[in-house]
Protein backbone atom coordinates (compact mmCIF):
# COMPACT_ATOMS: atom_id res chain seq x y z
CA MET A 1 -16.14 -6.22 -8.20
CA PRO A 2 -14.44 -9.06 -7.23
CA LYS A 3 -11.90 -9.58 -4.04
CA ILE A 4 -9.07 -8.41 -4.16
CA LYS A 5 -5.87 -10.81 -3.41
CA PHE A 6 -2.59 -9.83 -2.34
CA THR A 7 0.44 -12.25 -1.92
CA ILE A 8 3.11 -11.11 0.25
CA ILE A 9 6.98 -12.69 -0.56
CA THR A 10 9.02 -12.08 2.35
CA LEU A 11 11.26 -13.15 5.37
CA PHE A 12 9.33 -11.72 8.00
CA GLN A 13 5.69 -12.75 7.59
CA GLU A 14 5.90 -12.03 11.47
CA ALA A 15 5.94 -8.52 11.12
CA LEU A 16 3.14 -8.12 8.76
CA ALA A 17 0.32 -10.72 10.07
CA PRO A 18 -0.64 -8.72 12.82
CA TYR A 19 -1.29 -5.52 11.20
CA LEU A 20 -3.38 -7.33 8.45
CA ASP A 21 -5.43 -9.00 10.78
CA THR A 22 -6.47 -5.67 12.73
CA SER A 23 -8.97 -2.71 12.43
CA MET A 24 -10.19 -2.46 8.61
CA MET A 25 -8.11 -4.81 7.44
CA ARG A 26 -9.34 -7.71 9.41
CA LYS A 27 -12.70 -6.05 8.39
CA ALA A 28 -12.06 -6.05 4.81
CA THR A 29 -11.27 -9.88 4.93
CA GLU A 30 -14.16 -11.21 7.20
CA ASN A 31 -16.35 -9.23 4.79
CA GLY A 32 -15.04 -11.19 1.56
CA ILE A 33 -13.38 -8.07 0.46
CA ALA A 34 -9.88 -8.91 0.52
CA GLU A 35 -7.44 -11.89 0.81
CA PHE A 36 -3.93 -11.65 2.60
CA ASN A 37 -1.66 -14.57 1.89
CA PHE A 38 2.17 -15.08 2.50
CA VAL A 39 5.11 -16.66 0.58
CA ASN A 40 8.28 -17.38 2.94
CA LEU A 41 11.25 -16.54 0.20
CA ARG A 42 13.64 -18.74 2.43
CA ASP A 43 11.06 -21.79 1.36
CA PHE A 44 12.77 -21.14 -2.15
CA GLY A 45 16.48 -20.28 -0.72
CA LEU A 46 19.76 -22.21 -2.00
CA GLY A 47 21.90 -24.97 -0.52
CA PRO A 48 21.63 -26.20 2.63
CA HIS A 49 21.27 -22.99 4.32
CA LYS A 50 18.45 -21.82 2.28
CA SER A 51 20.32 -18.70 1.12
CA VAL A 52 18.34 -15.81 -0.45
CA ASP A 53 21.32 -13.46 -1.10
CA ASP A 54 24.87 -12.92 -1.96
CA THR A 55 27.75 -10.58 -2.07
CA PRO A 56 27.75 -7.50 -5.25
CA TYR A 57 29.77 -8.35 -7.99
CA GLY A 58 32.12 -5.35 -8.22
CA GLY A 59 32.63 -5.56 -4.28
CA GLY A 60 30.67 -3.44 -1.91
CA ASP A 61 29.34 -3.64 1.64
CA GLY A 62 25.99 -5.32 2.13
CA MET A 63 24.24 -8.55 0.84
CA VAL A 64 22.26 -8.16 -2.11
CA LEU A 65 18.75 -10.53 -3.24
CA ARG A 66 19.25 -13.12 -5.57
CA CYS A 67 17.49 -13.96 -8.49
CA GLU A 68 16.72 -17.43 -8.58
CA PRO A 69 14.69 -17.63 -5.16
CA VAL A 70 12.87 -14.51 -6.14
CA TYR A 71 11.84 -16.05 -9.56
CA ALA A 72 10.81 -19.05 -7.81
CA ALA A 73 8.88 -17.65 -5.36
CA ILE A 74 7.04 -15.23 -7.91
CA GLU A 75 6.67 -18.07 -10.21
CA SER A 76 5.07 -20.41 -7.48
CA VAL A 77 2.04 -18.04 -7.33
CA LYS A 78 1.91 -17.42 -10.91
CA GLU A 79 1.59 -20.69 -11.66
CA LYS A 80 -2.04 -20.67 -10.03
CA ASP A 81 -2.71 -17.54 -11.03
CA PRO A 82 -1.04 -16.18 -13.99
CA SER A 83 -2.90 -13.12 -13.84
CA ALA A 84 -1.25 -11.84 -11.06
CA LYS A 85 0.91 -8.67 -11.12
CA VAL A 86 4.07 -8.02 -9.41
CA ILE A 87 4.95 -5.02 -6.62
CA LEU A 88 8.17 -4.36 -5.63
CA PRO A 89 8.93 -1.60 -3.23
CA THR A 90 12.35 -0.01 -4.58
CA PRO A 91 13.67 3.69 -4.71
CA ALA A 92 13.92 3.35 -8.31
CA GLY A 93 10.17 3.39 -8.53
CA GLU A 94 7.36 5.65 -9.50
CA LEU A 95 6.31 7.62 -6.53
CA TRP A 96 3.07 6.28 -4.56
CA THR A 97 0.03 8.58 -4.73
CA GLN A 98 -3.25 8.54 -3.90
CA THR A 99 -4.29 8.54 -7.89
CA ARG A 100 -2.38 5.04 -8.26
CA ALA A 101 -3.41 3.73 -4.89
CA LYS A 102 -6.92 4.51 -6.38
CA ALA A 103 -5.70 3.35 -9.92
CA LEU A 104 -4.99 -0.18 -8.35
CA ALA A 105 -7.81 -0.38 -6.52
CA GLY A 106 -9.94 -0.64 -9.63
CA LEU A 107 -11.48 3.19 -9.14
CA SER A 108 -9.78 4.76 -11.76
CA ASP A 109 -9.50 4.68 -15.69
CA GLN A 110 -5.87 4.42 -15.81
CA GLU A 111 -5.88 0.45 -15.72
CA SER A 112 -7.70 -0.53 -18.60
CA GLN A 113 -7.80 -4.23 -17.25
CA GLN A 114 -7.49 -4.14 -13.32
CA PRO A 115 -5.77 -6.89 -12.05
CA SER A 116 -7.78 -8.22 -8.49
CA HIS A 117 -4.41 -10.36 -7.39
CA PHE A 118 -0.98 -8.43 -6.47
CA ILE A 119 1.92 -10.09 -5.32
CA ILE A 120 4.22 -7.87 -3.53
CA LEU A 121 7.91 -8.58 -3.01
CA CYS A 122 9.53 -7.56 0.26
CA PRO A 123 13.41 -6.69 -0.55
CA HIS A 124 15.62 -6.69 1.96
CA TYR A 125 19.32 -6.49 2.88
CA GLU A 126 21.69 -4.19 0.92
CA GLY A 127 19.61 -4.67 -2.10
CA TYR A 128 18.05 -6.80 -4.97
CA ASP A 129 19.55 -8.23 -8.26
CA GLN A 130 18.84 -5.76 -11.18
CA ARG A 131 17.39 -8.86 -13.34
CA ILE A 132 14.53 -9.07 -10.75
CA LEU A 133 13.13 -5.96 -12.09
CA ASP A 134 12.33 -7.94 -15.34
CA ILE A 135 9.49 -9.44 -13.69
CA VAL A 136 8.05 -6.60 -11.72
CA ASP A 137 4.63 -4.74 -13.20
CA TYR A 138 4.90 -2.00 -10.64
CA PRO A 139 8.39 -0.33 -9.15
CA ILE A 140 7.00 1.70 -6.33
CA CYS A 141 8.78 4.58 -4.23
CA LEU A 142 7.06 5.75 -1.26
CA GLY A 143 9.44 8.29 -0.93
CA PRO A 144 13.40 9.77 -1.21
CA TYR A 145 14.34 7.76 2.08
CA VAL A 146 15.36 4.24 2.82
CA LEU A 147 14.01 1.83 5.31
CA THR A 148 15.31 -1.53 6.07
CA GLY A 149 13.55 -3.80 4.06
CA GLY A 150 9.89 -4.05 1.89
CA GLU A 151 7.29 -4.92 4.92
CA LEU A 152 6.92 -1.58 5.70
CA PRO A 153 6.17 -0.28 2.34
CA ALA A 154 3.95 -3.45 1.71
CA LEU A 155 1.83 -2.64 4.31
CA VAL A 156 1.36 0.96 3.50
CA ILE A 157 0.41 -0.20 -0.09
CA ILE A 158 -1.90 -2.92 0.67
CA ASP A 159 -3.53 -0.24 3.29
CA SER A 160 -4.18 2.66 0.97
CA ILE A 161 -6.01 0.31 -1.81
CA VAL A 162 -7.95 -1.47 0.86
CA ARG A 163 -9.33 1.21 2.46
CA LEU A 164 -10.47 2.65 -0.76
CA ILE A 165 -12.75 -0.40 -1.87
CA PRO A 166 -16.39 0.34 -1.04
CA GLY A 167 -17.34 -1.60 2.45
CA VAL A 168 -14.37 -1.01 4.24
CA LEU A 169 -14.38 2.42 6.09
CA GLY A 170 -18.25 2.26 6.38
CA GLY A 171 -19.64 5.94 5.06
CA GLU A 172 -20.20 5.77 1.22
CA THR A 173 -18.26 9.27 0.76
CA SER A 174 -15.29 8.05 3.25
CA ALA A 175 -12.77 7.74 0.83
CA GLU A 176 -14.25 10.73 -1.72
CA ILE A 177 -14.07 13.70 0.61
CA GLU A 178 -10.53 13.57 2.30
CA SER A 179 -6.58 14.47 1.87
CA PHE A 180 -5.67 14.22 -1.88
CA SER A 181 -8.76 13.35 -3.32
CA GLU A 182 -8.21 15.69 -5.85
CA GLY A 183 -4.36 15.07 -6.05
CA ASP A 184 -3.12 17.38 -4.25
CA ASN A 185 -5.78 18.85 -1.82
CA ILE A 186 -5.24 18.52 1.86
CA GLU A 187 -8.74 18.37 3.64
CA TYR A 188 -10.39 21.22 5.70
CA PRO A 189 -9.98 20.92 9.58
CA GLN A 190 -12.34 18.46 11.47
CA TYR A 191 -13.59 18.87 14.65
CA THR A 192 -15.66 17.08 17.60
CA LYS A 193 -16.98 17.63 21.00
CA PRO A 194 -16.52 19.65 23.03
CA ALA A 195 -17.47 22.83 21.57
CA ASP A 196 -14.91 24.32 23.91
CA PHE A 197 -11.66 22.84 24.85
CA ARG A 198 -9.71 25.40 26.95
CA GLY A 199 -10.79 28.30 25.47
CA LYS A 200 -9.84 26.76 21.99
CA LYS A 201 -13.21 26.79 20.21
CA VAL A 202 -15.05 25.05 17.42
CA PRO A 203 -15.52 27.99 14.67
CA ASP A 204 -19.21 29.11 14.94
CA ILE A 205 -20.10 28.40 11.54
CA LEU A 206 -20.15 24.65 12.12
CA LEU A 207 -22.52 24.77 14.93
CA SER A 208 -24.73 26.87 12.92
CA GLY A 209 -26.76 23.54 11.09
CA HIS A 210 -26.34 25.39 8.27
CA HIS A 211 -25.40 23.04 5.54
CA GLU A 212 -24.55 25.32 2.39
CA ASN A 213 -22.47 27.68 4.72
CA VAL A 214 -20.71 24.39 6.07
CA ALA A 215 -20.02 23.29 2.65
CA LYS A 216 -18.44 26.68 1.80
CA TRP A 217 -16.25 26.79 4.99
CA ARG A 218 -15.07 23.78 4.12
CA LYS A 219 -14.08 24.36 0.73
CA SER A 220 -12.49 27.41 1.34
CA HIS A 221 -10.36 25.86 4.25
CA GLU A 222 -9.19 23.37 2.01
CA THR A 223 -5.33 23.74 1.45
CA ARG A 224 -2.86 22.17 -1.54
CA LEU A 225 0.20 19.85 -0.90
CA LYS A 226 3.18 22.45 -0.77
């Protein structure tokens, strides 16, 4: 599997870099599994103040992300890699699921030619000019709520993809036997030492060493997303 690359177009690299240099994301980078790059949207801003937004036509509060700097930033990346696909976190997008994460990680048959380079645009302010959607391949919605910018959604999308790639989590089945691995399943309860904590005891069957019975117990204690 080729290295997966993410180029993040943002005004706030400092909000993203620490997380991507920590824990599993750092491991993925050090092992040559993932690569994270940043593009400062302000570098493509207009005028002496490098403006990237303006007031909305028709009136209303807030500022709207302009087409020109966004198109220029994306095109600067695509000049080097025309195959890169653009992700936009947006309320108007497709709901992000584990199934979708697997597809973009190249672990399903949903994508016939799976890209290995994603450009993630982090919107800000009141929103973005609708024409920006014309150059977006994957509009993605994390859920029915609104955040102040696209940096947190970008991290969620990246993490949920990268952790699925073999060699990141460690165990061969770490990303296979877990919640949402079958679409809407919630993984069985997990326990570790001590076996008795303040009178709260681990189920006896998990201490039995009988692997078949343990497997049956775990299967029976899976639930489904409501």
